[in-house]
Structures are given as structure tokens and as C-alpha cells.
Amino acid sequence: MPALLWLTSVRFQRPDGGCLEFSEDVVTTLERYRQNAAGATESGGVLLGRLVLDSADIVVDEITEPTVSDRRSRFFFFRSKERTQKRVTKAWCEFNGTRNYLGEWHTHPEDDPRPSPHDLANWKRIARLAKYEQNFLFFAIVGRLQIRVWEIAKQGTPQELSPIESTQL
């Protein structure tokens, strides 16, 4: 399995036939937060991006990064809402309503990341209560060797997205 460092983009097949793509800049940023060191803490933030017009395709152009207000440990990440919401609102305004809140990301200190029961419950709560434009959100977990992504509708259950062969340098 290649390290994320060599990937220029990461793509996933959505259940509706569309594609979710993480831009090169997003992949580069996620790479910095992989928990490769023995004491590395979990990191996380939100996914921001575009719904591609006249298609089911989505592009994640930007992610927020951990802030000093977040709580982090080896196996725990709690994102401070206030600072992140300011960035989400700013992105929405800067891009004339085309850069949307698309979901959340966080890291796990494992090669092939899997959501914990806490993750799954939290994702369902966020999908049900958060305000967002589309009918779904994405939740990404960045492991040491790969990224896994789940899609969840407002009242749905998480569905894991299948990776599509990614472009390599």
C-alpha cells in the first residue's frame, strides 16, 4: 500500500454514481497529520469544497486544520466549533456560496483506519443536526497508509465509499 505522500489526488466512488475527489492540496495537508510517530495525537477538521454542476461529483478543495482550541490526545480529537465555523462562513462568502461544508475528517493511529462506535454515533448526530446545502455529508479517517471515507444522508447510515485508482507522482 503506498504512503499518502505519493498521491496527487484521492478519489472515491459515491453510491449515486458520482465521484468524491480530494484535491492535491488537501492530500498534502492530510499527509502532514498522519499519526506515524508513537506519541502523535489525533487531528481533525472539516471538509470544504464544491458540488460539480450537473453531476453527482464533489471536489474537496480545502480542509480546516487543528487549532489551539481543539482537544487532542493519542486516541481522541474534539474540534472546537467556534473557530472552525468562522472559517466555514468565510469560505462560503469568499467563493460566493460555492465552497460548501461537506463533512469532517480526523486521523487514527492505524494503517487501515476504521470508525469507532463513538465515531459512528457522532457522524449520525452531525448529519442529523448540522446545517448544510446538500443532502449528505462525508466523514474521512486518515490512517497511516490510507484514507477511508463514508457518506451519510441526514437520516441515513454511513456507507463506505470505494476508492478509485488514484493518480501517483
N, C-alpha and C. Protein backbone atom coordinates (compact mmCIF):
# COMPACT_ATOMS: atom_id res chain seq x y z
N MET A 1 0.84 -1.17 0.00
CA MET A 1 0.00 0.00 0.00
C MET A 1 0.89 1.25 0.00
N PRO A 2 0.74 2.19 -0.94
CA PRO A 2 1.61 3.36 -0.98
C PRO A 2 1.27 4.36 0.12
N ALA A 3 2.25 5.06 0.58
CA ALA A 3 2.02 6.14 1.54
C ALA A 3 1.29 7.27 0.83
N LEU A 4 0.50 8.01 1.58
CA LEU A 4 -0.26 9.11 1.00
C LEU A 4 0.64 10.16 0.35
N LEU A 5 1.87 10.26 0.83
CA LEU A 5 2.80 11.27 0.33
C LEU A 5 2.91 11.24 -1.19
N TRP A 6 2.78 10.06 -1.79
CA TRP A 6 2.99 9.94 -3.24
C TRP A 6 1.74 10.23 -4.05
N LEU A 7 0.63 10.44 -3.42
CA LEU A 7 -0.62 10.66 -4.13
C LEU A 7 -0.80 12.13 -4.48
N THR A 8 -1.26 12.41 -5.69
CA THR A 8 -1.56 13.79 -6.06
C THR A 8 -3.04 14.08 -5.89
N SER A 9 -3.87 13.05 -5.92
CA SER A 9 -5.28 13.21 -5.62
C SER A 9 -5.81 11.88 -5.12
N VAL A 10 -6.91 11.94 -4.41
CA VAL A 10 -7.56 10.74 -3.90
C VAL A 10 -9.02 10.81 -4.33
N ARG A 11 -9.50 9.73 -4.94
CA ARG A 11 -10.88 9.71 -5.47
C ARG A 11 -11.63 8.50 -4.94
N PHE A 12 -12.94 8.69 -4.75
CA PHE A 12 -13.82 7.65 -4.24
C PHE A 12 -15.11 7.61 -5.05
N GLN A 13 -15.63 6.40 -5.23
CA GLN A 13 -16.90 6.20 -5.92
C GLN A 13 -18.04 6.39 -4.93
N ARG A 14 -18.99 7.26 -5.26
CA ARG A 14 -20.15 7.51 -4.42
C ARG A 14 -21.27 6.52 -4.76
N PRO A 15 -22.18 6.25 -3.82
CA PRO A 15 -23.27 5.30 -4.08
C PRO A 15 -24.19 5.73 -5.23
N ASP A 16 -24.31 7.04 -5.46
CA ASP A 16 -25.19 7.53 -6.53
C ASP A 16 -24.51 7.57 -7.90
N GLY A 17 -23.29 7.05 -7.98
CA GLY A 17 -22.57 7.03 -9.25
C GLY A 17 -21.60 8.17 -9.43
N GLY A 18 -21.65 9.16 -8.57
CA GLY A 18 -20.73 10.28 -8.66
C GLY A 18 -19.37 9.92 -8.07
N CYS A 19 -18.50 10.91 -8.08
CA CYS A 19 -17.14 10.73 -7.59
C CYS A 19 -16.84 11.82 -6.56
N LEU A 20 -16.18 11.43 -5.48
CA LEU A 20 -15.66 12.38 -4.49
C LEU A 20 -14.16 12.44 -4.69
N GLU A 21 -13.62 13.65 -4.90
CA GLU A 21 -12.19 13.80 -5.10
C GLU A 21 -11.61 14.77 -4.09
N PHE A 22 -10.48 14.39 -3.49
CA PHE A 22 -9.71 15.27 -2.62
C PHE A 22 -8.61 15.88 -3.48
N SER A 23 -8.52 17.20 -3.51
CA SER A 23 -7.51 17.87 -4.33
C SER A 23 -6.11 17.56 -3.82
N GLU A 24 -5.13 17.88 -4.66
CA GLU A 24 -3.73 17.66 -4.30
C GLU A 24 -3.36 18.44 -3.04
N ASP A 25 -3.82 19.69 -2.91
CA ASP A 25 -3.52 20.48 -1.72
C ASP A 25 -4.10 19.84 -0.46
N VAL A 26 -5.30 19.30 -0.57
CA VAL A 26 -5.94 18.64 0.57
C VAL A 26 -5.14 17.40 0.96
N VAL A 27 -4.76 16.59 -0.01
CA VAL A 27 -3.99 15.38 0.27
C VAL A 27 -2.66 15.75 0.93
N THR A 28 -2.01 16.79 0.46
CA THR A 28 -0.75 17.24 1.04
C THR A 28 -0.94 17.66 2.50
N THR A 29 -2.01 18.36 2.78
CA THR A 29 -2.28 18.79 4.15
C THR A 29 -2.59 17.59 5.04
N LEU A 30 -3.42 16.67 4.57
CA LEU A 30 -3.74 15.47 5.35
C LEU A 30 -2.49 14.66 5.65
N GLU A 31 -1.59 14.61 4.69
CA GLU A 31 -0.32 13.88 4.85
C GLU A 31 0.43 14.35 6.09
N ARG A 32 0.41 15.64 6.34
CA ARG A 32 1.15 16.21 7.48
C ARG A 32 0.62 15.73 8.83
N TYR A 33 -0.62 15.30 8.87
CA TYR A 33 -1.26 14.93 10.14
C TYR A 33 -1.31 13.43 10.40
N ARG A 34 -0.82 12.62 9.47
CA ARG A 34 -0.82 11.17 9.73
C ARG A 34 -0.11 10.89 11.05
N GLN A 35 -0.61 9.95 11.81
CA GLN A 35 -0.07 9.64 13.13
C GLN A 35 1.01 8.56 13.03
N ASN A 36 2.13 8.90 12.45
CA ASN A 36 3.21 7.94 12.27
C ASN A 36 4.12 7.81 13.49
N ALA A 37 4.28 8.87 14.24
CA ALA A 37 5.14 8.83 15.42
C ALA A 37 4.38 8.18 16.58
N ALA A 38 5.11 7.52 17.47
CA ALA A 38 4.50 6.77 18.58
C ALA A 38 3.57 7.62 19.45
N GLY A 39 3.90 8.88 19.67
CA GLY A 39 3.08 9.72 20.54
C GLY A 39 2.21 10.73 19.81
N ALA A 40 2.12 10.62 18.50
CA ALA A 40 1.36 11.60 17.72
C ALA A 40 -0.12 11.60 18.13
N THR A 41 -0.67 12.80 18.27
CA THR A 41 -2.07 12.93 18.67
C THR A 41 -2.99 12.95 17.45
N GLU A 42 -4.26 12.62 17.69
CA GLU A 42 -5.26 12.70 16.62
C GLU A 42 -5.42 14.16 16.21
N SER A 43 -5.75 14.35 14.95
CA SER A 43 -6.02 15.67 14.40
C SER A 43 -7.33 15.60 13.64
N GLY A 44 -7.88 16.74 13.30
CA GLY A 44 -9.12 16.73 12.54
C GLY A 44 -9.53 18.13 12.13
N GLY A 45 -10.64 18.17 11.42
CA GLY A 45 -11.20 19.42 10.95
C GLY A 45 -12.38 19.15 10.05
N VAL A 46 -12.72 20.13 9.24
CA VAL A 46 -13.87 19.98 8.33
C VAL A 46 -13.40 19.95 6.88
N LEU A 47 -14.26 19.38 6.05
CA LEU A 47 -14.04 19.30 4.61
C LEU A 47 -14.84 20.42 3.96
N LEU A 48 -14.20 21.17 3.07
CA LEU A 48 -14.87 22.25 2.34
C LEU A 48 -14.66 22.02 0.85
N GLY A 49 -15.68 22.27 0.06
CA GLY A 49 -15.49 22.06 -1.37
C GLY A 49 -16.72 22.37 -2.20
N ARG A 50 -16.70 21.80 -3.42
CA ARG A 50 -17.68 22.15 -4.44
C ARG A 50 -18.53 20.97 -4.87
N LEU A 51 -19.79 21.26 -5.13
CA LEU A 51 -20.68 20.32 -5.80
C LEU A 51 -20.56 20.65 -7.28
N VAL A 52 -20.14 19.70 -8.09
CA VAL A 52 -19.92 19.96 -9.51
C VAL A 52 -21.27 20.04 -10.22
N LEU A 53 -21.50 21.16 -10.89
CA LEU A 53 -22.77 21.44 -11.56
C LEU A 53 -23.15 20.33 -12.54
N ASP A 54 -24.42 19.96 -12.55
CA ASP A 54 -24.97 18.96 -13.47
C ASP A 54 -24.30 17.60 -13.37
N SER A 55 -23.85 17.25 -12.17
CA SER A 55 -23.28 15.93 -11.96
C SER A 55 -23.43 15.55 -10.48
N ALA A 56 -23.06 14.35 -10.15
CA ALA A 56 -23.05 13.89 -8.75
C ALA A 56 -21.63 13.94 -8.19
N ASP A 57 -20.74 14.63 -8.90
CA ASP A 57 -19.34 14.72 -8.48
C ASP A 57 -19.14 15.83 -7.45
N ILE A 58 -18.19 15.59 -6.55
CA ILE A 58 -17.87 16.53 -5.48
C ILE A 58 -16.35 16.65 -5.42
N VAL A 59 -15.85 17.87 -5.18
CA VAL A 59 -14.42 18.09 -5.02
C VAL A 59 -14.18 18.75 -3.67
N VAL A 60 -13.33 18.14 -2.87
CA VAL A 60 -12.89 18.75 -1.60
C VAL A 60 -11.64 19.56 -1.93
N ASP A 61 -11.78 20.89 -1.88
CA ASP A 61 -10.71 21.83 -2.22
C ASP A 61 -9.89 22.26 -1.03
N GLU A 62 -10.48 22.18 0.16
CA GLU A 62 -9.86 22.77 1.35
C GLU A 62 -10.31 21.98 2.57
N ILE A 63 -9.44 21.93 3.56
CA ILE A 63 -9.83 21.40 4.87
C ILE A 63 -9.37 22.40 5.92
N THR A 64 -10.07 22.41 7.04
CA THR A 64 -9.56 23.18 8.17
C THR A 64 -8.58 22.28 8.91
N GLU A 65 -7.64 22.93 9.59
CA GLU A 65 -6.62 22.21 10.34
C GLU A 65 -6.89 22.39 11.83
N PRO A 66 -6.29 21.53 12.65
CA PRO A 66 -6.49 21.66 14.10
C PRO A 66 -6.07 23.05 14.60
N THR A 67 -6.77 23.51 15.63
CA THR A 67 -6.47 24.81 16.24
C THR A 67 -6.06 24.60 17.69
N VAL A 68 -5.57 25.65 18.31
CA VAL A 68 -5.19 25.58 19.73
C VAL A 68 -6.40 25.34 20.62
N SER A 69 -7.60 25.62 20.14
CA SER A 69 -8.82 25.42 20.92
C SER A 69 -9.31 23.98 20.90
N ASP A 70 -8.78 23.16 20.00
CA ASP A 70 -9.20 21.76 19.90
C ASP A 70 -8.58 20.95 21.04
N ARG A 71 -9.24 19.86 21.42
CA ARG A 71 -8.70 18.94 22.43
C ARG A 71 -8.20 17.69 21.68
N ARG A 72 -6.94 17.32 21.97
CA ARG A 72 -6.32 16.22 21.23
C ARG A 72 -5.56 15.30 22.17
N SER A 73 -5.62 14.00 21.86
CA SER A 73 -4.78 13.01 22.53
C SER A 73 -4.46 11.92 21.51
N ARG A 74 -3.79 10.90 21.93
CA ARG A 74 -3.39 9.83 21.02
C ARG A 74 -4.60 9.18 20.34
N PHE A 75 -5.70 9.02 21.08
CA PHE A 75 -6.87 8.32 20.55
C PHE A 75 -8.14 9.16 20.63
N PHE A 76 -7.99 10.48 20.61
CA PHE A 76 -9.17 11.34 20.78
C PHE A 76 -8.93 12.69 20.10
N PHE A 77 -9.98 13.19 19.45
CA PHE A 77 -9.94 14.53 18.88
C PHE A 77 -11.31 15.17 19.06
N PHE A 78 -11.34 16.36 19.64
CA PHE A 78 -12.59 17.12 19.76
C PHE A 78 -12.34 18.49 19.16
N ARG A 79 -13.09 18.79 18.09
CA ARG A 79 -12.92 20.03 17.35
C ARG A 79 -13.71 21.15 18.02
N SER A 80 -13.03 22.27 18.24
CA SER A 80 -13.68 23.48 18.74
C SER A 80 -14.56 24.05 17.63
N LYS A 81 -15.80 24.29 17.92
CA LYS A 81 -16.75 24.72 16.88
C LYS A 81 -16.56 26.17 16.44
N GLU A 82 -16.30 27.07 17.37
CA GLU A 82 -16.30 28.50 17.08
C GLU A 82 -15.30 28.90 15.99
N ARG A 83 -14.04 28.54 16.16
CA ARG A 83 -13.03 28.93 15.15
C ARG A 83 -13.31 28.30 13.80
N THR A 84 -13.73 27.05 13.82
CA THR A 84 -14.00 26.36 12.56
C THR A 84 -15.19 26.98 11.85
N GLN A 85 -16.23 27.32 12.58
CA GLN A 85 -17.41 27.93 11.95
C GLN A 85 -17.05 29.25 11.28
N LYS A 86 -16.15 30.00 11.88
CA LYS A 86 -15.72 31.25 11.26
C LYS A 86 -15.07 30.97 9.90
N ARG A 87 -14.24 29.93 9.82
CA ARG A 87 -13.58 29.58 8.55
C ARG A 87 -14.59 29.09 7.52
N VAL A 88 -15.56 28.29 7.96
CA VAL A 88 -16.60 27.79 7.04
C VAL A 88 -17.39 28.96 6.47
N THR A 89 -17.79 29.90 7.32
CA THR A 89 -18.54 31.08 6.87
C THR A 89 -17.70 31.93 5.93
N LYS A 90 -16.43 32.12 6.26
CA LYS A 90 -15.54 32.92 5.41
C LYS A 90 -15.38 32.27 4.03
N ALA A 91 -15.20 30.94 4.00
CA ALA A 91 -15.06 30.24 2.72
C ALA A 91 -16.33 30.40 1.88
N TRP A 92 -17.47 30.28 2.49
CA TRP A 92 -18.77 30.45 1.80
C TRP A 92 -18.84 31.84 1.16
N CYS A 93 -18.46 32.86 1.91
CA CYS A 93 -18.51 34.24 1.41
C CYS A 93 -17.44 34.50 0.35
N GLU A 94 -16.21 34.06 0.58
CA GLU A 94 -15.11 34.28 -0.37
C GLU A 94 -15.40 33.67 -1.74
N PHE A 95 -16.10 32.56 -1.76
CA PHE A 95 -16.34 31.84 -3.01
C PHE A 95 -17.80 31.97 -3.47
N ASN A 96 -18.46 33.05 -3.04
CA ASN A 96 -19.82 33.37 -3.48
C ASN A 96 -20.79 32.20 -3.35
N GLY A 97 -20.72 31.52 -2.22
CA GLY A 97 -21.66 30.44 -1.93
C GLY A 97 -21.38 29.14 -2.66
N THR A 98 -20.19 29.00 -3.26
CA THR A 98 -19.89 27.76 -3.97
C THR A 98 -18.95 26.83 -3.19
N ARG A 99 -18.32 27.31 -2.13
CA ARG A 99 -17.49 26.43 -1.30
C ARG A 99 -18.33 26.07 -0.08
N ASN A 100 -18.70 24.80 -0.01
CA ASN A 100 -19.64 24.31 1.00
C ASN A 100 -18.98 23.49 2.08
N TYR A 101 -19.65 23.42 3.21
CA TYR A 101 -19.30 22.48 4.27
C TYR A 101 -19.72 21.10 3.75
N LEU A 102 -18.75 20.17 3.67
CA LEU A 102 -19.03 18.84 3.13
C LEU A 102 -18.90 17.72 4.15
N GLY A 103 -18.37 18.03 5.33
CA GLY A 103 -18.24 16.99 6.34
C GLY A 103 -17.02 17.20 7.22
N GLU A 104 -16.53 16.09 7.76
CA GLU A 104 -15.47 16.13 8.77
C GLU A 104 -14.35 15.15 8.42
N TRP A 105 -13.17 15.40 8.97
CA TRP A 105 -12.05 14.46 8.84
C TRP A 105 -11.33 14.39 10.17
N HIS A 106 -10.71 13.24 10.41
CA HIS A 106 -9.82 13.10 11.56
C HIS A 106 -8.87 11.94 11.30
N THR A 107 -7.85 11.83 12.14
CA THR A 107 -6.84 10.80 11.97
C THR A 107 -7.04 9.67 12.97
N HIS A 108 -6.48 8.51 12.62
CA HIS A 108 -6.39 7.37 13.52
C HIS A 108 -4.97 6.82 13.44
N PRO A 109 -4.44 6.33 14.56
CA PRO A 109 -3.08 5.78 14.55
C PRO A 109 -3.06 4.31 14.11
N GLU A 110 -3.61 4.04 12.95
CA GLU A 110 -3.65 2.68 12.40
C GLU A 110 -3.45 2.77 10.89
N ASP A 111 -2.90 1.72 10.31
CA ASP A 111 -2.65 1.72 8.87
C ASP A 111 -3.94 1.82 8.07
N ASP A 112 -4.90 0.96 8.41
CA ASP A 112 -6.17 0.86 7.69
C ASP A 112 -7.28 1.32 8.64
N PRO A 113 -7.61 2.61 8.63
CA PRO A 113 -8.49 3.16 9.67
C PRO A 113 -9.93 2.69 9.56
N ARG A 114 -10.53 2.46 10.71
CA ARG A 114 -11.93 2.07 10.85
C ARG A 114 -12.60 2.98 11.86
N PRO A 115 -13.87 3.33 11.65
CA PRO A 115 -14.54 4.19 12.63
C PRO A 115 -14.84 3.43 13.92
N SER A 116 -14.68 4.12 15.02
CA SER A 116 -15.05 3.56 16.33
C SER A 116 -16.56 3.71 16.50
N PRO A 117 -17.15 3.02 17.48
CA PRO A 117 -18.58 3.25 17.77
C PRO A 117 -18.86 4.72 18.08
N HIS A 118 -17.92 5.38 18.76
CA HIS A 118 -18.07 6.82 19.05
C HIS A 118 -18.09 7.62 17.75
N ASP A 119 -17.19 7.30 16.82
CA ASP A 119 -17.18 7.99 15.52
C ASP A 119 -18.53 7.86 14.83
N LEU A 120 -19.04 6.65 14.74
CA LEU A 120 -20.30 6.39 14.03
C LEU A 120 -21.46 7.16 14.67
N ALA A 121 -21.54 7.14 15.99
CA ALA A 121 -22.61 7.87 16.68
C ALA A 121 -22.47 9.37 16.44
N ASN A 122 -21.25 9.88 16.49
CA ASN A 122 -21.00 11.31 16.26
C ASN A 122 -21.37 11.71 14.83
N TRP A 123 -21.01 10.89 13.85
CA TRP A 123 -21.34 11.19 12.46
C TRP A 123 -22.84 11.28 12.26
N LYS A 124 -23.58 10.34 12.83
CA LYS A 124 -25.05 10.35 12.70
C LYS A 124 -25.64 11.61 13.33
N ARG A 125 -25.10 12.00 14.48
CA ARG A 125 -25.57 13.21 15.16
C ARG A 125 -25.29 14.45 14.30
N ILE A 126 -24.08 14.54 13.75
CA ILE A 126 -23.72 15.68 12.91
C ILE A 126 -24.60 15.72 11.67
N ALA A 127 -24.79 14.59 11.01
CA ALA A 127 -25.61 14.54 9.79
C ALA A 127 -27.05 14.97 10.07
N ARG A 128 -27.53 14.64 11.24
CA ARG A 128 -28.91 14.97 11.61
C ARG A 128 -29.06 16.44 12.02
N LEU A 129 -28.06 17.01 12.70
CA LEU A 129 -28.22 18.33 13.31
C LEU A 129 -27.53 19.49 12.60
N ALA A 130 -26.48 19.21 11.84
CA ALA A 130 -25.72 20.30 11.19
C ALA A 130 -26.55 20.93 10.08
N LYS A 131 -26.17 22.16 9.74
CA LYS A 131 -26.81 22.87 8.62
C LYS A 131 -25.87 22.79 7.43
N TYR A 132 -26.38 22.27 6.30
CA TYR A 132 -25.59 22.14 5.09
C TYR A 132 -26.50 22.11 3.88
N GLU A 133 -25.94 22.48 2.73
CA GLU A 133 -26.70 22.67 1.49
C GLU A 133 -27.19 21.38 0.84
N GLN A 134 -26.33 20.38 0.79
CA GLN A 134 -26.63 19.14 0.09
C GLN A 134 -27.38 18.17 1.03
N ASN A 135 -27.71 16.98 0.55
CA ASN A 135 -28.46 16.00 1.33
C ASN A 135 -27.57 14.99 2.05
N PHE A 136 -26.29 15.21 2.11
CA PHE A 136 -25.35 14.22 2.63
C PHE A 136 -24.10 14.93 3.16
N LEU A 137 -23.35 14.20 3.96
CA LEU A 137 -22.04 14.65 4.42
C LEU A 137 -21.04 13.51 4.26
N PHE A 138 -19.76 13.86 4.24
CA PHE A 138 -18.68 12.88 4.15
C PHE A 138 -17.88 12.91 5.44
N PHE A 139 -17.38 11.74 5.82
CA PHE A 139 -16.55 11.62 7.01
C PHE A 139 -15.32 10.80 6.62
N ALA A 140 -14.17 11.44 6.73
CA ALA A 140 -12.92 10.81 6.32
C ALA A 140 -12.07 10.50 7.55
N ILE A 141 -11.45 9.32 7.52
CA ILE A 141 -10.47 8.97 8.54
C ILE A 141 -9.14 8.75 7.82
N VAL A 142 -8.13 9.47 8.27
CA VAL A 142 -6.79 9.39 7.69
C VAL A 142 -5.97 8.44 8.54
N GLY A 143 -5.59 7.31 7.96
CA GLY A 143 -4.74 6.35 8.64
C GLY A 143 -3.29 6.58 8.26
N ARG A 144 -2.43 5.70 8.74
CA ARG A 144 -1.01 5.84 8.42
C ARG A 144 -0.71 5.53 6.96
N LEU A 145 -1.52 4.65 6.34
CA LEU A 145 -1.26 4.28 4.95
C LEU A 145 -2.38 4.62 3.98
N GLN A 146 -3.56 4.87 4.48
CA GLN A 146 -4.65 5.19 3.55
C GLN A 146 -5.71 6.06 4.19
N ILE A 147 -6.53 6.63 3.32
CA ILE A 147 -7.68 7.42 3.73
C ILE A 147 -8.92 6.59 3.41
N ARG A 148 -9.85 6.54 4.35
CA ARG A 148 -11.14 5.89 4.10
C ARG A 148 -12.22 6.94 4.31
N VAL A 149 -13.30 6.84 3.51
CA VAL A 149 -14.36 7.85 3.56
C VAL A 149 -15.72 7.17 3.60
N TRP A 150 -16.63 7.76 4.38
CA TRP A 150 -18.01 7.31 4.48
C TRP A 150 -18.92 8.47 4.13
N GLU A 151 -20.04 8.17 3.50
CA GLU A 151 -21.07 9.16 3.16
C GLU A 151 -22.30 8.82 3.98
N ILE A 152 -22.96 9.87 4.49
CA ILE A 152 -24.17 9.65 5.28
C ILE A 152 -25.19 10.73 4.94
N ALA A 153 -26.42 10.30 4.70
CA ALA A 153 -27.53 11.23 4.46
C ALA A 153 -28.05 11.71 5.82
N LYS A 154 -28.90 12.74 5.79
CA LYS A 154 -29.40 13.34 7.03
C LYS A 154 -29.96 12.31 8.00
N GLN A 155 -30.72 11.37 7.55
CA GLN A 155 -31.31 10.36 8.43
C GLN A 155 -30.80 8.95 8.10
N GLY A 156 -29.68 8.86 7.42
CA GLY A 156 -29.19 7.58 6.94
C GLY A 156 -28.14 6.94 7.81
N THR A 157 -27.60 5.86 7.29
CA THR A 157 -26.50 5.18 7.94
C THR A 157 -25.25 5.37 7.08
N PRO A 158 -24.08 5.40 7.69
CA PRO A 158 -22.86 5.61 6.91
C PRO A 158 -22.62 4.50 5.89
N GLN A 159 -22.26 4.90 4.68
CA GLN A 159 -21.89 3.97 3.62
C GLN A 159 -20.45 4.25 3.25
N GLU A 160 -19.61 3.23 3.31
CA GLU A 160 -18.21 3.44 2.95
C GLU A 160 -18.09 3.59 1.44
N LEU A 161 -17.28 4.56 1.02
CA LEU A 161 -17.04 4.78 -0.40
C LEU A 161 -15.86 3.93 -0.85
N SER A 162 -15.96 3.43 -2.07
CA SER A 162 -14.88 2.63 -2.65
C SER A 162 -13.84 3.52 -3.28
N PRO A 163 -12.56 3.27 -3.00
CA PRO A 163 -11.53 4.09 -3.64
C PRO A 163 -11.46 3.81 -5.13
N ILE A 164 -11.19 4.85 -5.88
CA ILE A 164 -10.93 4.76 -7.31
C ILE A 164 -9.43 4.92 -7.45
N GLU A 165 -8.83 4.24 -8.38
CA GLU A 165 -7.37 4.32 -8.54
C GLU A 165 -6.96 5.78 -8.54
N SER A 166 -6.02 6.11 -7.66
CA SER A 166 -5.56 7.49 -7.51
C SER A 166 -4.35 7.75 -8.38
N THR A 167 -4.19 9.00 -8.75
CA THR A 167 -3.05 9.44 -9.53
C THR A 167 -1.82 9.47 -8.65
N GLN A 168 -0.70 8.96 -9.13
CA GLN A 168 0.53 9.00 -8.35
C GLN A 168 1.57 9.82 -9.08
N LEU A 169 2.49 10.39 -8.31
CA LEU A 169 3.59 11.17 -8.88
C LEU A 169 4.54 10.27 -9.62
